[in-house]
C-alpha atoms as a PDB file:
ATOM      1  CA  MET A   1     -17.837 -14.830 -36.558  1.00  0.00           C
ATOM      2  CA  GLN A   2     -16.240 -14.447 -33.111  1.00  0.00           C
ATOM      3  CA  ILE A   3     -16.659 -11.754 -30.458  1.00  0.00           C
ATOM      4  CA  THR A   4     -13.957 -10.822 -28.016  1.00  0.00           C
ATOM      5  CA  ALA A   5     -15.346  -9.070 -24.981  1.00  0.00           C
ATOM      6  CA  ILE A   6     -13.014  -7.506 -22.408  1.00  0.00           C
ATOM      7  CA  ASP A   7     -14.082  -6.328 -18.968  1.00  0.00           C
ATOM      8  CA  MET A   8     -12.472  -6.147 -15.537  1.00  0.00           C
ATOM      9  CA  ASN A   9     -15.682  -7.356 -13.964  1.00  0.00           C
ATOM     10  CA  ARG A  10     -16.998 -10.781 -14.971  1.00  0.00           C
ATOM     11  CA  ASP A  11     -20.355  -9.915 -13.274  1.00  0.00           C
ATOM     12  CA  THR A  12     -20.994  -7.403 -16.034  1.00  0.00           C
ATOM     13  CA  TYR A  13     -20.694 -10.159 -18.668  1.00  0.00           C
ATOM     14  CA  GLU A  14     -22.795 -12.554 -16.625  1.00  0.00           C
ATOM     15  CA  ILE A  15     -25.707 -10.081 -16.528  1.00  0.00           C
ATOM     16  CA  GLY A  16     -26.228 -10.729 -20.251  1.00  0.00           C
ATOM     17  CA  LEU A  17     -25.194 -14.356 -20.204  1.00  0.00           C
ATOM     18  CA  PRO A  18     -28.746 -15.840 -19.942  1.00  0.00           C
ATOM     19  CA  ILE A  19     -29.716 -13.921 -23.096  1.00  0.00           C
ATOM     20  CA  ILE A  20     -26.510 -14.994 -24.837  1.00  0.00           C
ATOM     21  CA  GLN A  21     -27.212 -18.634 -23.908  1.00  0.00           C
ATOM     22  CA  LYS A  22     -30.831 -18.426 -24.957  1.00  0.00           C
ATOM     23  CA  ALA A  23     -29.710 -17.092 -28.383  1.00  0.00           C
ATOM     24  CA  GLY A  24     -27.302 -20.025 -28.644  1.00  0.00           C
ATOM     25  CA  VAL A  25     -24.277 -17.884 -29.281  1.00  0.00           C
ATOM     26  CA  GLU A  26     -22.197 -18.403 -26.112  1.00  0.00           C
ATOM     27  CA  HIS A  27     -19.636 -20.403 -28.121  1.00  0.00           C
ATOM     28  CA  LYS A  28     -18.991 -17.378 -30.271  1.00  0.00           C
ATOM     29  CA  ILE A  29     -17.911 -15.117 -27.413  1.00  0.00           C
ATOM     30  CA  ASN A  30     -14.426 -15.019 -26.024  1.00  0.00           C
ATOM     31  CA  PHE A  31     -14.731 -13.225 -22.701  1.00  0.00           C
ATOM     32  CA  ILE A  32     -11.460 -11.927 -21.240  1.00  0.00           C
ATOM     33  CA  GLN A  33     -11.540 -10.731 -17.657  1.00  0.00           C
ATOM     34  CA  SER A  34      -8.727  -8.246 -17.641  1.00  0.00           C
ATOM     35  CA  SER A  35      -7.824  -4.603 -17.971  1.00  0.00           C
ATOM     36  CA  ALA A  36      -8.351  -3.659 -21.633  1.00  0.00           C
ATOM     37  CA  LEU A  37      -4.809  -2.415 -22.194  1.00  0.00           C
ATOM     38  CA  SER A  38      -3.340  -5.685 -20.936  1.00  0.00           C
ATOM     39  CA  ALA A  39      -5.762  -7.742 -22.978  1.00  0.00           C
ATOM     40  CA  LEU A  40      -5.123  -5.710 -26.135  1.00  0.00           C
ATOM     41  CA  ASP A  41      -1.363  -6.052 -25.656  1.00  0.00           C
ATOM     42  CA  GLU A  42      -1.780  -9.772 -25.283  1.00  0.00           C
ATOM     43  CA  LEU A  43      -3.901  -9.986 -28.409  1.00  0.00           C
ATOM     44  CA  LEU A  44      -1.169  -8.051 -30.311  1.00  0.00           C
ATOM     45  CA  GLU A  45       1.463 -10.617 -29.283  1.00  0.00           C
ATOM     46  CA  ASP A  46      -0.199 -13.052 -31.695  1.00  0.00           C
ATOM     47  CA  ASP A  47       0.461 -11.805 -35.248  1.00  0.00           C
ATOM     48  CA  ALA A  48      -2.667 -13.673 -36.453  1.00  0.00           C
ATOM     49  CA  ASN A  49      -4.746 -11.077 -34.553  1.00  0.00           C
ATOM     50  CA  ARG A  50      -3.281  -8.083 -36.344  1.00  0.00           C
ATOM     51  CA  GLU A  51      -5.710  -6.566 -38.840  1.00  0.00           C
ATOM     52  CA  SER A  52      -8.196  -9.432 -38.152  1.00  0.00           C
ATOM     53  CA  PHE A  53     -10.945  -7.533 -36.342  1.00  0.00           C
ATOM     54  CA  ASP A  54     -13.891  -5.934 -38.227  1.00  0.00           C
ATOM     55  CA  PHE A  55     -15.239  -3.891 -35.316  1.00  0.00           C
ATOM     56  CA  ALA A  56     -14.320  -2.617 -31.901  1.00  0.00           C
ATOM     57  CA  PHE A  57     -16.492  -0.766 -29.333  1.00  0.00           C
ATOM     58  CA  VAL A  58     -14.758   1.190 -26.596  1.00  0.00           C
ATOM     59  CA  ASP A  59     -16.451   2.350 -23.393  1.00  0.00           C
ATOM     60  CA  ALA A  60     -15.644   2.965 -19.735  1.00  0.00           C
ATOM     61  CA  ASP A  61     -12.009   3.954 -19.188  1.00  0.00           C
ATOM     62  CA  LYS A  62     -11.947   7.459 -20.798  1.00  0.00           C
ATOM     63  CA  VAL A  63      -8.401   8.166 -19.565  1.00  0.00           C
ATOM     64  CA  ASN A  64      -6.985   5.465 -21.837  1.00  0.00           C
ATOM     65  CA  TYR A  65      -9.079   5.979 -24.986  1.00  0.00           C
ATOM     66  CA  GLN A  66      -6.064   7.229 -27.016  1.00  0.00           C
ATOM     67  CA  LYS A  67      -3.973   4.254 -25.881  1.00  0.00           C
ATOM     68  CA  TYR A  68      -6.795   1.901 -26.947  1.00  0.00           C
ATOM     69  CA  HIS A  69      -6.892   3.678 -30.288  1.00  0.00           C
ATOM     70  CA  GLU A  70      -3.219   2.959 -31.065  1.00  0.00           C
ATOM     71  CA  ARG A  71      -3.655  -0.695 -30.212  1.00  0.00           C
ATOM     72  CA  LEU A  72      -6.983  -1.081 -32.003  1.00  0.00           C
ATOM     73  CA  LEU A  73      -5.537   0.372 -35.180  1.00  0.00           C
ATOM     74  CA  GLN A  74      -3.189  -2.613 -35.220  1.00  0.00           C
ATOM     75  CA  LEU A  75      -6.003  -5.098 -34.622  1.00  0.00           C
ATOM     76  CA  VAL A  76      -8.782  -3.697 -36.804  1.00  0.00           C
ATOM     77  CA  LYS A  77      -8.478  -4.268 -40.546  1.00  0.00           C
ATOM     78  CA  VAL A  78      -8.531  -1.479 -43.150  1.00  0.00           C
ATOM     79  CA  GLY A  79     -12.149  -0.525 -43.655  1.00  0.00           C
ATOM     80  CA  GLY A  80     -12.950  -1.757 -40.146  1.00  0.00           C
ATOM     81  CA  ILE A  81     -14.823   0.286 -37.576  1.00  0.00           C
ATOM     82  CA  ILE A  82     -13.803   1.519 -34.110  1.00  0.00           C
ATOM     83  CA  VAL A  83     -16.598   3.208 -32.067  1.00  0.00           C
ATOM     84  CA  TYR A  84     -15.900   5.316 -29.004  1.00  0.00           C
ATOM     85  CA  ASP A  85     -18.781   5.885 -26.575  1.00  0.00           C
ATOM     86  CA  ASN A  86     -19.582   9.035 -24.569  1.00  0.00           C
ATOM     87  CA  THR A  87     -17.688  11.427 -26.859  1.00  0.00           C
ATOM     88  CA  LEU A  88     -20.053  14.309 -26.128  1.00  0.00           C
ATOM     89  CA  TRP A  89     -19.747  13.737 -22.334  1.00  0.00           C
ATOM     90  CA  PHE A  90     -23.200  14.976 -21.341  1.00  0.00           C
ATOM     91  CA  GLY A  91     -22.755  17.880 -23.765  1.00  0.00           C
ATOM     92  CA  THR A  92     -19.925  19.255 -21.649  1.00  0.00           C
ATOM     93  CA  VAL A  93     -17.386  19.078 -24.459  1.00  0.00           C
ATOM     94  CA  ALA A  94     -19.080  22.178 -25.959  1.00  0.00           C
ATOM     95  CA  MET A  95     -19.672  24.015 -22.700  1.00  0.00           C
ATOM     96  CA  PRO A  96     -17.530  26.700 -21.145  1.00  0.00           C
ATOM     97  CA  GLU A  97     -15.523  25.253 -18.248  1.00  0.00           C
ATOM     98  CA  GLU A  98     -17.407  27.212 -15.613  1.00  0.00           C
ATOM     99  CA  PHE A  99     -20.717  25.465 -16.460  1.00  0.00           C
ATOM    100  CA  VAL A 100     -19.331  21.991 -16.145  1.00  0.00           C
ATOM    101  CA  LYS A 101     -20.097  20.022 -12.975  1.00  0.00           C
ATOM    102  CA  GLU A 102     -16.952  19.235 -10.963  1.00  0.00           C
ATOM    103  CA  SER A 103     -17.681  15.505 -11.223  1.00  0.00           C
ATOM    104  CA  GLN A 104     -17.605  15.700 -15.037  1.00  0.00           C
ATOM    105  CA  LYS A 105     -14.437  17.804 -15.476  1.00  0.00           C
ATOM    106  CA  ARG A 106     -11.777  15.075 -15.371  1.00  0.00           C
ATOM    107  CA  ASN A 107     -13.225  12.854 -18.019  1.00  0.00           C
ATOM    108  CA  ARG A 108     -14.389  15.876 -20.035  1.00  0.00           C
ATOM    109  CA  LEU A 109     -10.775  16.893 -20.570  1.00  0.00           C
ATOM    110  CA  HIS A 110      -9.840  13.407 -21.717  1.00  0.00           C
ATOM    111  CA  ILE A 111     -12.783  13.295 -24.142  1.00  0.00           C
ATOM    112  CA  ILE A 112     -11.935  16.754 -25.530  1.00  0.00           C
ATOM    113  CA  GLU A 113      -8.342  15.592 -26.131  1.00  0.00           C
ATOM    114  CA  LEU A 114      -9.587  12.400 -27.779  1.00  0.00           C
ATOM    115  CA  ASN A 115     -11.955  14.304 -30.039  1.00  0.00           C
ATOM    116  CA  LYS A 116      -9.145  16.636 -31.153  1.00  0.00           C
ATOM    117  CA  PHE A 117      -6.833  13.666 -31.632  1.00  0.00           C
ATOM    118  CA  LEU A 118      -9.334  11.710 -33.773  1.00  0.00           C
ATOM    119  CA  ALA A 119     -10.220  14.806 -35.842  1.00  0.00           C
ATOM    120  CA  ASN A 120      -6.553  15.074 -36.795  1.00  0.00           C
ATOM    121  CA  ASP A 121      -5.775  11.395 -37.236  1.00  0.00           C
ATOM    122  CA  ASP A 122      -5.319  10.743 -40.937  1.00  0.00           C
ATOM    123  CA  ARG A 123      -5.440   6.969 -40.363  1.00  0.00           C
ATOM    124  CA  VAL A 124      -9.222   7.110 -39.776  1.00  0.00           C
ATOM    125  CA  GLN A 125     -12.293   8.780 -41.207  1.00  0.00           C
ATOM    126  CA  ILE A 126     -14.606   9.835 -38.399  1.00  0.00           C
ATOM    127  CA  SER A 127     -18.268  10.641 -37.852  1.00  0.00           C
ATOM    128  CA  GLN A 128     -19.517  12.175 -34.603  1.00  0.00           C
ATOM    129  CA  VAL A 129     -23.035  10.946 -33.945  1.00  0.00           C
ATOM    130  CA  PRO A 130     -25.187  12.631 -31.299  1.00  0.00           C
ATOM    131  CA  LEU A 131     -26.796   9.369 -30.304  1.00  0.00           C
ATOM    132  CA  GLY A 132     -27.193   8.994 -26.513  1.00  0.00           C
ATOM    133  CA  ASP A 133     -24.148  10.618 -24.977  1.00  0.00           C
ATOM    134  CA  GLY A 134     -22.378  10.783 -28.310  1.00  0.00           C
ATOM    135  CA  ILE A 135     -20.464   8.169 -30.243  1.00  0.00           C
ATOM    136  CA  THR A 136     -17.568   8.665 -32.583  1.00  0.00           C
ATOM    137  CA  ILE A 137     -17.342   6.163 -35.429  1.00  0.00           C
ATOM    138  CA  CYS A 138     -13.902   5.725 -36.926  1.00  0.00           C
ATOM    139  CA  ARG A 139     -13.357   3.851 -40.190  1.00  0.00           C
ATOM    140  CA  GLN A 140      -9.790   2.778 -40.599  1.00  0.00           C
ATOM    141  CA  LEU A 141      -8.273   3.957 -43.861  1.00  0.00           C
END
């Protein structure tokens, strides 16, 4: 088993590195310091990566969630899982616009669009789970 972790900030990875090393699994993690879109495009350049991933977890850059989805569908095998974090966006996705804090509005709109998109994407079966700030689990068909 191999884990590919992508983050712009290596410091984020290094926070957990002592635990990873203590568990003896550092050799199983391929850390890529990059923007996710660039890293995913680079992974797709190697045909061996296509449909080779069992699982993907997406967090942080809400604006690009749909772009990640298109790339991840090429990387994750049929039956594989893609999980999107924060898909309830502090509950604001169900609130009338006037009750949403100004600081939450921009990402809220991107999350609402993602949720609509995933609900209509016949390439995946989804489950919205109200765990934490909401996760959407997609199983590739």
